[in-house]
């Protein structure tokens, strides 16, 4: 008959990050997302198309 190990290994707690490290981590995470902005001409075209659709 086998014995079971009742002591499970505990994950070690990570050291708290400094303010600079957290900021660098947040910047790296934000680089994953790219936000495309619309030009003024694109906005005018969208508005005209929406207005024409309503008519």
PDB file of N, CA and C in Angstrom:
ATOM      1  N   UNK A   1       0.841  -1.169   0.000  1.00  0.00           N
ATOM      2  CA  UNK A   1       0.000   0.000   0.000  1.00  0.00           C
ATOM      3  C   UNK A   1       0.889   1.236   0.000  1.00  0.00           C
ATOM      4  N   UNK A   2       0.524   2.199  -0.857  1.00  0.00           N
ATOM      5  CA  UNK A   2       1.343   3.396  -0.997  1.00  0.00           C
ATOM      6  C   UNK A   2       0.957   4.467   0.005  1.00  0.00           C
ATOM      7  N   UNK A   3       1.876   5.314   0.253  1.00  0.00           N
ATOM      8  CA  UNK A   3       1.582   6.451   1.122  1.00  0.00           C
ATOM      9  C   UNK A   3       1.429   7.684   0.259  1.00  0.00           C
ATOM     10  N   UNK A   4       0.568   8.549   0.668  1.00  0.00           N
ATOM     11  CA  UNK A   4       0.369   9.788  -0.087  1.00  0.00           C
ATOM     12  C   UNK A   4       1.112  10.911   0.606  1.00  0.00           C
ATOM     13  N   UNK A   5       1.616  11.801  -0.184  1.00  0.00           N
ATOM     14  CA  UNK A   5       2.343  12.951   0.353  1.00  0.00           C
ATOM     15  C   UNK A   5       1.320  14.017   0.716  1.00  0.00           C
ATOM     16  N   UNK A   6       1.165  14.288   1.973  1.00  0.00           N
ATOM     17  CA  UNK A   6       0.178  15.270   2.405  1.00  0.00           C
ATOM     18  C   UNK A   6       0.713  16.689   2.365  1.00  0.00           C
ATOM     19  N   UNK A   7       1.998  16.850   2.215  1.00  0.00           N
ATOM     20  CA  UNK A   7       2.591  18.183   2.160  1.00  0.00           C
ATOM     21  C   UNK A   7       2.722  18.594   0.701  1.00  0.00           C
ATOM     22  N   UNK A   8       1.918  19.524   0.292  1.00  0.00           N
ATOM     23  CA  UNK A   8       1.969  20.020  -1.082  1.00  0.00           C
ATOM     24  C   UNK A   8       2.922  21.210  -1.140  1.00  0.00           C
ATOM     25  N   UNK A   9       3.698  21.311  -2.190  1.00  0.00           N
ATOM     26  CA  UNK A   9       4.623  22.461  -2.279  1.00  0.00           C
ATOM     27  C   UNK A   9       3.853  23.765  -2.416  1.00  0.00           C
ATOM     28  N   UNK A  10       4.279  24.741  -1.683  1.00  0.00           N
ATOM     29  CA  UNK A  10       3.656  26.064  -1.704  1.00  0.00           C
ATOM     30  C   UNK A  10       4.400  26.950  -2.691  1.00  0.00           C
ATOM     31  N   UNK A  11       3.668  27.672  -3.555  1.00  0.00           N
ATOM     32  CA  UNK A  11       4.364  28.599  -4.455  1.00  0.00           C
ATOM     33  C   UNK A  11       4.974  29.744  -3.647  1.00  0.00           C
ATOM     34  N   UNK A  12       6.167  30.135  -4.030  1.00  0.00           N
ATOM     35  CA  UNK A  12       6.829  31.223  -3.313  1.00  0.00           C
ATOM     36  C   UNK A  12       6.215  32.551  -3.745  1.00  0.00           C
ATOM     37  N   UNK A  13       6.066  33.437  -2.817  1.00  0.00           N
ATOM     38  CA  UNK A  13       5.496  34.749  -3.098  1.00  0.00           C
ATOM     39  C   UNK A  13       6.512  35.590  -3.863  1.00  0.00           C
ATOM     40  N   UNK A  14       6.040  36.247  -4.918  1.00  0.00           N
ATOM     41  CA  UNK A  14       6.923  37.105  -5.705  1.00  0.00           C
ATOM     42  C   UNK A  14       7.218  38.385  -4.933  1.00  0.00           C
ATOM     43  N   UNK A  15       8.403  38.888  -5.117  1.00  0.00           N
ATOM     44  CA  UNK A  15       8.787  40.130  -4.452  1.00  0.00           C
ATOM     45  C   UNK A  15       7.945  41.266  -5.031  1.00  0.00           C
ATOM     46  N   UNK A  16       7.481  42.181  -4.186  1.00  0.00           N
ATOM     47  CA  UNK A  16       6.676  43.294  -4.701  1.00  0.00           C
ATOM     48  C   UNK A  16       7.494  44.158  -5.658  1.00  0.00           C
ATOM     49  N   UNK A  17       6.835  44.590  -6.728  1.00  0.00           N
ATOM     50  CA  UNK A  17       7.506  45.399  -7.744  1.00  0.00           C
ATOM     51  C   UNK A  17       7.587  46.853  -7.297  1.00  0.00           C
ATOM     52  N   UNK A  18       8.623  47.508  -7.741  1.00  0.00           N
ATOM     53  CA  UNK A  18       8.742  48.931  -7.453  1.00  0.00           C
ATOM     54  C   UNK A  18       7.830  49.708  -8.397  1.00  0.00           C
ATOM     55  N   UNK A  19       7.667  50.980  -8.134  1.00  0.00           N
ATOM     56  CA  UNK A  19       6.812  51.825  -8.973  1.00  0.00           C
ATOM     57  C   UNK A  19       7.309  51.849 -10.413  1.00  0.00           C
ATOM     58  N   UNK A  20       8.628  51.946 -10.590  1.00  0.00           N
ATOM     59  CA  UNK A  20       9.203  51.987 -11.932  1.00  0.00           C
ATOM     60  C   UNK A  20       8.992  50.667 -12.668  1.00  0.00           C
ATOM     61  N   UNK A  21       9.118  49.560 -11.946  1.00  0.00           N
ATOM     62  CA  UNK A  21       8.926  48.248 -12.569  1.00  0.00           C
ATOM     63  C   UNK A  21       7.467  48.051 -12.991  1.00  0.00           C
ATOM     64  N   UNK A  22       6.542  48.478 -12.134  1.00  0.00           N
ATOM     65  CA  UNK A  22       5.123  48.374 -12.480  1.00  0.00           C
ATOM     66  C   UNK A  22       4.792  49.241 -13.681  1.00  0.00           C
ATOM     67  N   UNK A  23       5.375  50.437 -13.749  1.00  0.00           N
ATOM     68  CA  UNK A  23       5.143  51.335 -14.870  1.00  0.00           C
ATOM     69  C   UNK A  23       5.696  50.744 -16.166  1.00  0.00           C
ATOM     70  N   UNK A  24       6.883  50.165 -16.108  1.00  0.00           N
ATOM     71  CA  UNK A  24       7.480  49.537 -17.290  1.00  0.00           C
ATOM     72  C   UNK A  24       6.640  48.345 -17.738  1.00  0.00           C
ATOM     73  N   UNK A  25       6.130  47.582 -16.790  1.00  0.00           N
ATOM     74  CA  UNK A  25       5.292  46.430 -17.114  1.00  0.00           C
ATOM     75  C   UNK A  25       3.989  46.888 -17.771  1.00  0.00           C
ATOM     76  N   UNK A  26       3.407  47.959 -17.262  1.00  0.00           N
ATOM     77  CA  UNK A  26       2.168  48.488 -17.835  1.00  0.00           C
ATOM     78  C   UNK A  26       2.409  49.020 -19.247  1.00  0.00           C
ATOM     79  N   UNK A  27       3.550  49.657 -19.474  1.00  0.00           N
ATOM     80  CA  UNK A  27       3.865  50.167 -20.819  1.00  0.00           C
ATOM     81  C   UNK A  27       4.025  49.023 -21.825  1.00  0.00           C
ATOM     82  N   UNK A  28       4.693  47.949 -21.406  1.00  0.00           N
ATOM     83  CA  UNK A  28       4.865  46.799 -22.290  1.00  0.00           C
ATOM     84  C   UNK A  28       3.512  46.175 -22.616  1.00  0.00           C
ATOM     85  N   UNK A  29       2.630  46.118 -21.622  1.00  0.00           N
ATOM     86  CA  UNK A  29       1.292  45.565 -21.848  1.00  0.00           C
ATOM     87  C   UNK A  29       0.498  46.450 -22.795  1.00  0.00           C
ATOM     88  N   UNK A  30       0.625  47.761 -22.649  1.00  0.00           N
ATOM     89  CA  UNK A  30      -0.131  48.697 -23.487  1.00  0.00           C
ATOM     90  C   UNK A  30       0.346  48.668 -24.939  1.00  0.00           C
ATOM     91  N   UNK A  31       1.589  48.272 -25.180  1.00  0.00           N
ATOM     92  CA  UNK A  31       2.106  48.216 -26.546  1.00  0.00           C
ATOM     93  C   UNK A  31       1.398  47.157 -27.383  1.00  0.00           C
ATOM     94  N   UNK A  32       0.720  46.208 -26.717  1.00  0.00           N
ATOM     95  CA  UNK A  32       0.013  45.155 -27.438  1.00  0.00           C
ATOM     96  C   UNK A  32      -1.200  45.705 -28.176  1.00  0.00           C
ATOM     97  N   UNK A  33      -1.715  46.816 -27.703  1.00  0.00           N
ATOM     98  CA  UNK A  33      -2.945  47.367 -28.259  1.00  0.00           C
ATOM     99  C   UNK A  33      -2.629  48.558 -29.136  1.00  0.00           C
ATOM    100  N   UNK A  34      -3.171  48.540 -30.329  1.00  0.00           N
ATOM    101  CA  UNK A  34      -2.969  49.645 -31.265  1.00  0.00           C
ATOM    102  C   UNK A  34      -4.325  50.280 -31.528  1.00  0.00           C
ATOM    103  N   UNK A  35      -4.403  51.567 -31.326  1.00  0.00           N
ATOM    104  CA  UNK A  35      -5.653  52.290 -31.518  1.00  0.00           C
ATOM    105  C   UNK A  35      -5.528  53.138 -32.775  1.00  0.00           C
ATOM    106  N   UNK A  36      -6.348  52.830 -33.753  1.00  0.00           N
ATOM    107  CA  UNK A  36      -6.358  53.602 -34.992  1.00  0.00           C
ATOM    108  C   UNK A  36      -7.285  54.798 -34.803  1.00  0.00           C
ATOM    109  N   UNK A  37      -6.805  55.947 -35.186  1.00  0.00           N
ATOM    110  CA  UNK A  37      -7.639  57.139 -35.092  1.00  0.00           C
ATOM    111  C   UNK A  37      -8.147  57.495 -36.478  1.00  0.00           C
ATOM    112  N   UNK A  38      -9.311  58.069 -36.507  1.00  0.00           N
ATOM    113  CA  UNK A  38      -9.914  58.484 -37.772  1.00  0.00           C
ATOM    114  C   UNK A  38      -9.497  59.913 -38.082  1.00  0.00           C
ATOM    115  N   UNK A  39      -9.239  60.151 -39.341  1.00  0.00           N
ATOM    116  CA  UNK A  39      -8.896  61.506 -39.754  1.00  0.00           C
ATOM    117  C   UNK A  39     -10.178  62.333 -39.828  1.00  0.00           C
ATOM    118  N   UNK A  40     -10.022  63.623 -39.968  1.00  0.00           N
ATOM    119  CA  UNK A  40     -11.177  64.504 -40.060  1.00  0.00           C
ATOM    120  C   UNK A  40     -12.018  64.184 -41.296  1.00  0.00           C
ATOM    121  N   UNK A  41     -11.343  63.827 -42.391  1.00  0.00           N
ATOM    122  CA  UNK A  41     -12.066  63.473 -43.614  1.00  0.00           C
ATOM    123  C   UNK A  41     -12.896  62.202 -43.416  1.00  0.00           C
ATOM    124  N   UNK A  42     -12.336  61.246 -42.702  1.00  0.00           N
ATOM    125  CA  UNK A  42     -13.071  60.011 -42.421  1.00  0.00           C
ATOM    126  C   UNK A  42     -14.317  60.294 -41.585  1.00  0.00           C
ATOM    127  N   UNK A  43     -14.179  61.175 -40.600  1.00  0.00           N
ATOM    128  CA  UNK A  43     -15.325  61.515 -39.761  1.00  0.00           C
ATOM    129  C   UNK A  43     -16.413  62.218 -40.569  1.00  0.00           C
ATOM    130  N   UNK A  44     -16.013  63.123 -41.456  1.00  0.00           N
ATOM    131  CA  UNK A  44     -16.981  63.821 -42.304  1.00  0.00           C
ATOM    132  C   UNK A  44     -17.692  62.825 -43.209  1.00  0.00           C
ATOM    133  N   UNK A  45     -16.933  61.902 -43.789  1.00  0.00           N
ATOM    134  CA  UNK A  45     -17.517  60.892 -44.676  1.00  0.00           C
ATOM    135  C   UNK A  45     -18.502  60.003 -43.912  1.00  0.00           C
ATOM    136  N   UNK A  46     -18.142  59.605 -42.704  1.00  0.00           N
ATOM    137  CA  UNK A  46     -19.051  58.783 -41.892  1.00  0.00           C
ATOM    138  C   UNK A  46     -20.333  59.543 -41.566  1.00  0.00           C
ATOM    139  N   UNK A  47     -20.190  60.821 -41.208  1.00  0.00           N
ATOM    140  CA  UNK A  47     -21.361  61.625 -40.876  1.00  0.00           C
ATOM    141  C   UNK A  47     -22.276  61.770 -42.096  1.00  0.00           C
ATOM    142  N   UNK A  48     -21.689  62.021 -43.274  1.00  0.00           N
ATOM    143  CA  UNK A  48     -22.487  62.174 -44.492  1.00  0.00           C
ATOM    144  C   UNK A  48     -23.198  60.869 -44.845  1.00  0.00           C
ATOM    145  N   UNK A  49     -22.491  59.755 -44.715  1.00  0.00           N
ATOM    146  CA  UNK A  49     -23.107  58.468 -45.008  1.00  0.00           C
ATOM    147  C   UNK A  49     -24.240  58.173 -44.026  1.00  0.00           C
ATOM    148  N   UNK A  50     -24.057  58.493 -42.765  1.00  0.00           N
ATOM    149  CA  UNK A  50     -25.112  58.253 -41.780  1.00  0.00           C
ATOM    150  C   UNK A  50     -26.312  59.148 -42.074  1.00  0.00           C
ATOM    151  N   UNK A  51     -26.062  60.399 -42.450  1.00  0.00           N
ATOM    152  CA  UNK A  51     -27.160  61.317 -42.779  1.00  0.00           C
ATOM    153  C   UNK A  51     -27.898  60.854 -44.028  1.00  0.00           C
ATOM    154  N   UNK A  52     -27.165  60.416 -45.044  1.00  0.00           N
ATOM    155  CA  UNK A  52     -27.787  59.930 -46.270  1.00  0.00           C
ATOM    156  C   UNK A  52     -28.605  58.669 -45.982  1.00  0.00           C
ATOM    157  N   UNK A  53     -28.142  57.861 -45.062  1.00  0.00           N
ATOM    158  CA  UNK A  53     -28.868  56.628 -44.721  1.00  0.00           C
ATOM    159  C   UNK A  53     -30.195  56.972 -44.040  1.00  0.00           C
ATOM    160  N   UNK A  54     -30.192  58.038 -43.236  1.00  0.00           N
ATOM    161  CA  UNK A  54     -31.428  58.422 -42.541  1.00  0.00           C
ATOM    162  C   UNK A  54     -32.470  58.972 -43.494  1.00  0.00           C
ATOM    163  N   UNK A  55     -32.034  59.593 -44.590  1.00  0.00           N
ATOM    164  CA  UNK A  55     -32.977  60.152 -45.560  1.00  0.00           C
ATOM    165  C   UNK A  55     -33.573  59.047 -46.339  1.00  0.00           C
TER     166      UNK A  55
END
